[in-house]
């Protein structure tokens, strides 16, 4: 008979310690959170949404507010003057009037 401790160690390994499973699941959770944030920011800045539910929607690379005063970018590579290893942020919000990006 297998002890409870051994079973718990195997479960813990599969859920959080296994590099293959943990990386994949962590990425999926991260992406779902980013989709929710992207959806809510688009609603806030006035982007015309094709769906009322965040889980029914796939973000577009570029979203514009109704008047075009705010642009929302999704997973777009940022060009920099020096090498940056992770230069593809999840979301960037750009204000056309102010010329700023966040």
C-alpha atoms as a PDB file:
ATOM      1  CA  UNK A   1       0.000   0.000   0.000  1.00  0.00           C
ATOM      2  CA  UNK A   2       1.279   3.463  -0.901  1.00  0.00           C
ATOM      3  CA  UNK A   3       1.722   5.906   1.953  1.00  0.00           C
ATOM      4  CA  UNK A   4      -0.165   9.201   1.985  1.00  0.00           C
ATOM      5  CA  UNK A   5       3.117  11.149   2.133  1.00  0.00           C
ATOM      6  CA  UNK A   6       4.374   9.567  -1.083  1.00  0.00           C
ATOM      7  CA  UNK A   7       1.076  10.337  -2.813  1.00  0.00           C
ATOM      8  CA  UNK A   8       1.195  13.968  -1.632  1.00  0.00           C
ATOM      9  CA  UNK A   9       4.780  14.347  -2.859  1.00  0.00           C
ATOM     10  CA  UNK A  10       3.803  13.041  -6.294  1.00  0.00           C
ATOM     11  CA  UNK A  11       0.779  15.354  -6.455  1.00  0.00           C
ATOM     12  CA  UNK A  12       2.856  18.333  -5.357  1.00  0.00           C
ATOM     13  CA  UNK A  13       5.464  17.483  -7.976  1.00  0.00           C
ATOM     14  CA  UNK A  14       2.883  17.257 -10.759  1.00  0.00           C
ATOM     15  CA  UNK A  15       1.084  20.464  -9.757  1.00  0.00           C
ATOM     16  CA  UNK A  16       3.951  22.790  -8.986  1.00  0.00           C
ATOM     17  CA  UNK A  17       7.411  21.297  -9.191  1.00  0.00           C
ATOM     18  CA  UNK A  18       7.440  19.432 -12.467  1.00  0.00           C
ATOM     19  CA  UNK A  19       9.204  21.849 -14.840  1.00  0.00           C
ATOM     20  CA  UNK A  20       7.188  20.771 -17.883  1.00  0.00           C
ATOM     21  CA  UNK A  21       3.712  20.931 -16.327  1.00  0.00           C
ATOM     22  CA  UNK A  22       4.401  23.919 -14.075  1.00  0.00           C
ATOM     23  CA  UNK A  23       5.720  26.065 -16.920  1.00  0.00           C
ATOM     24  CA  UNK A  24       2.763  25.271 -19.161  1.00  0.00           C
ATOM     25  CA  UNK A  25       0.127  25.789 -16.478  1.00  0.00           C
ATOM     26  CA  UNK A  26       1.763  28.953 -15.174  1.00  0.00           C
ATOM     27  CA  UNK A  27       1.788  30.406 -18.690  1.00  0.00           C
ATOM     28  CA  UNK A  28      -1.885  29.527 -19.224  1.00  0.00           C
ATOM     29  CA  UNK A  29      -2.892  31.216 -15.940  1.00  0.00           C
ATOM     30  CA  UNK A  30      -0.761  34.253 -16.767  1.00  0.00           C
ATOM     31  CA  UNK A  31      -2.321  34.598 -20.224  1.00  0.00           C
ATOM     32  CA  UNK A  32      -5.876  34.326 -18.866  1.00  0.00           C
ATOM     33  CA  UNK A  33      -5.197  37.088 -16.332  1.00  0.00           C
ATOM     34  CA  UNK A  34      -3.738  39.259 -19.109  1.00  0.00           C
ATOM     35  CA  UNK A  35      -6.822  38.690 -21.282  1.00  0.00           C
ATOM     36  CA  UNK A  36      -9.103  39.826 -18.436  1.00  0.00           C
ATOM     37  CA  UNK A  37      -6.991  42.950 -17.854  1.00  0.00           C
ATOM     38  CA  UNK A  38      -6.847  43.698 -21.588  1.00  0.00           C
ATOM     39  CA  UNK A  39     -10.638  43.328 -21.891  1.00  0.00           C
ATOM     40  CA  UNK A  40     -11.317  45.643 -18.931  1.00  0.00           C
ATOM     41  CA  UNK A  41      -8.844  48.295 -20.102  1.00  0.00           C
ATOM     42  CA  UNK A  42     -10.390  48.225 -23.595  1.00  0.00           C
ATOM     43  CA  UNK A  43     -13.835  48.760 -22.071  1.00  0.00           C
ATOM     44  CA  UNK A  44     -12.497  51.629 -19.966  1.00  0.00           C
ATOM     45  CA  UNK A  45     -10.821  53.475 -22.844  1.00  0.00           C
ATOM     46  CA  UNK A  46     -13.813  53.070 -25.156  1.00  0.00           C
ATOM     47  CA  UNK A  47     -12.777  50.343 -27.577  1.00  0.00           C
ATOM     48  CA  UNK A  48     -15.725  48.859 -29.456  1.00  0.00           C
ATOM     49  CA  UNK A  49     -15.804  45.236 -28.290  1.00  0.00           C
ATOM     50  CA  UNK A  50     -17.213  42.402 -30.380  1.00  0.00           C
ATOM     51  CA  UNK A  51     -18.175  40.441 -27.259  1.00  0.00           C
ATOM     52  CA  UNK A  52     -19.515  41.386 -23.845  1.00  0.00           C
ATOM     53  CA  UNK A  53     -17.689  38.508 -22.143  1.00  0.00           C
ATOM     54  CA  UNK A  54     -13.915  38.494 -21.685  1.00  0.00           C
ATOM     55  CA  UNK A  55     -13.674  34.714 -22.143  1.00  0.00           C
ATOM     56  CA  UNK A  56     -15.363  34.885 -25.577  1.00  0.00           C
ATOM     57  CA  UNK A  57     -12.845  37.336 -26.956  1.00  0.00           C
ATOM     58  CA  UNK A  58      -9.363  37.041 -28.448  1.00  0.00           C
ATOM     59  CA  UNK A  59      -7.373  40.299 -28.109  1.00  0.00           C
ATOM     60  CA  UNK A  60      -6.266  41.957 -31.337  1.00  0.00           C
ATOM     61  CA  UNK A  61      -2.693  43.200 -31.764  1.00  0.00           C
ATOM     62  CA  UNK A  62      -3.926  46.807 -32.002  1.00  0.00           C
ATOM     63  CA  UNK A  63      -7.140  48.229 -30.513  1.00  0.00           C
ATOM     64  CA  UNK A  64      -8.189  51.880 -30.866  1.00  0.00           C
ATOM     65  CA  UNK A  65     -10.647  53.887 -28.816  1.00  0.00           C
ATOM     66  CA  UNK A  66     -13.650  55.342 -30.690  1.00  0.00           C
ATOM     67  CA  UNK A  67     -11.934  58.676 -31.360  1.00  0.00           C
ATOM     68  CA  UNK A  68      -8.495  57.104 -31.765  1.00  0.00           C
ATOM     69  CA  UNK A  69      -7.066  59.032 -28.822  1.00  0.00           C
ATOM     70  CA  UNK A  70      -5.894  55.857 -27.062  1.00  0.00           C
ATOM     71  CA  UNK A  71      -4.281  52.789 -28.618  1.00  0.00           C
ATOM     72  CA  UNK A  72      -3.981  49.433 -26.869  1.00  0.00           C
ATOM     73  CA  UNK A  73      -1.252  47.047 -28.068  1.00  0.00           C
ATOM     74  CA  UNK A  74      -1.241  43.314 -27.281  1.00  0.00           C
ATOM     75  CA  UNK A  75       2.005  41.269 -27.270  1.00  0.00           C
ATOM     76  CA  UNK A  76       3.781  43.676 -29.602  1.00  0.00           C
ATOM     77  CA  UNK A  77       7.572  43.710 -29.646  1.00  0.00           C
ATOM     78  CA  UNK A  78       9.068  47.015 -28.498  1.00  0.00           C
ATOM     79  CA  UNK A  79      12.045  48.321 -30.423  1.00  0.00           C
ATOM     80  CA  UNK A  80      14.742  49.657 -28.107  1.00  0.00           C
ATOM     81  CA  UNK A  81      18.123  51.261 -28.624  1.00  0.00           C
ATOM     82  CA  UNK A  82      19.846  48.407 -26.762  1.00  0.00           C
ATOM     83  CA  UNK A  83      19.231  44.697 -26.483  1.00  0.00           C
ATOM     84  CA  UNK A  84      16.489  43.839 -24.024  1.00  0.00           C
ATOM     85  CA  UNK A  85      15.861  40.111 -23.531  1.00  0.00           C
ATOM     86  CA  UNK A  86      12.126  40.460 -22.821  1.00  0.00           C
ATOM     87  CA  UNK A  87      10.927  43.259 -25.076  1.00  0.00           C
ATOM     88  CA  UNK A  88       7.420  41.957 -25.788  1.00  0.00           C
ATOM     89  CA  UNK A  89       5.152  43.190 -22.980  1.00  0.00           C
ATOM     90  CA  UNK A  90       1.649  41.776 -22.514  1.00  0.00           C
ATOM     91  CA  UNK A  91      -0.119  45.101 -23.040  1.00  0.00           C
ATOM     92  CA  UNK A  92       0.840  48.674 -23.839  1.00  0.00           C
ATOM     93  CA  UNK A  93      -1.571  51.605 -23.586  1.00  0.00           C
ATOM     94  CA  UNK A  94      -0.573  54.649 -25.678  1.00  0.00           C
ATOM     95  CA  UNK A  95      -2.135  58.083 -25.429  1.00  0.00           C
ATOM     96  CA  UNK A  96      -1.972  59.898 -28.786  1.00  0.00           C
ATOM     97  CA  UNK A  97      -2.607  63.349 -27.301  1.00  0.00           C
ATOM     98  CA  UNK A  98       0.001  63.037 -24.567  1.00  0.00           C
ATOM     99  CA  UNK A  99       2.462  60.876 -26.513  1.00  0.00           C
ATOM    100  CA  UNK A 100       2.974  58.583 -23.526  1.00  0.00           C
ATOM    101  CA  UNK A 101       2.840  54.803 -23.236  1.00  0.00           C
ATOM    102  CA  UNK A 102       2.297  52.648 -20.179  1.00  0.00           C
END
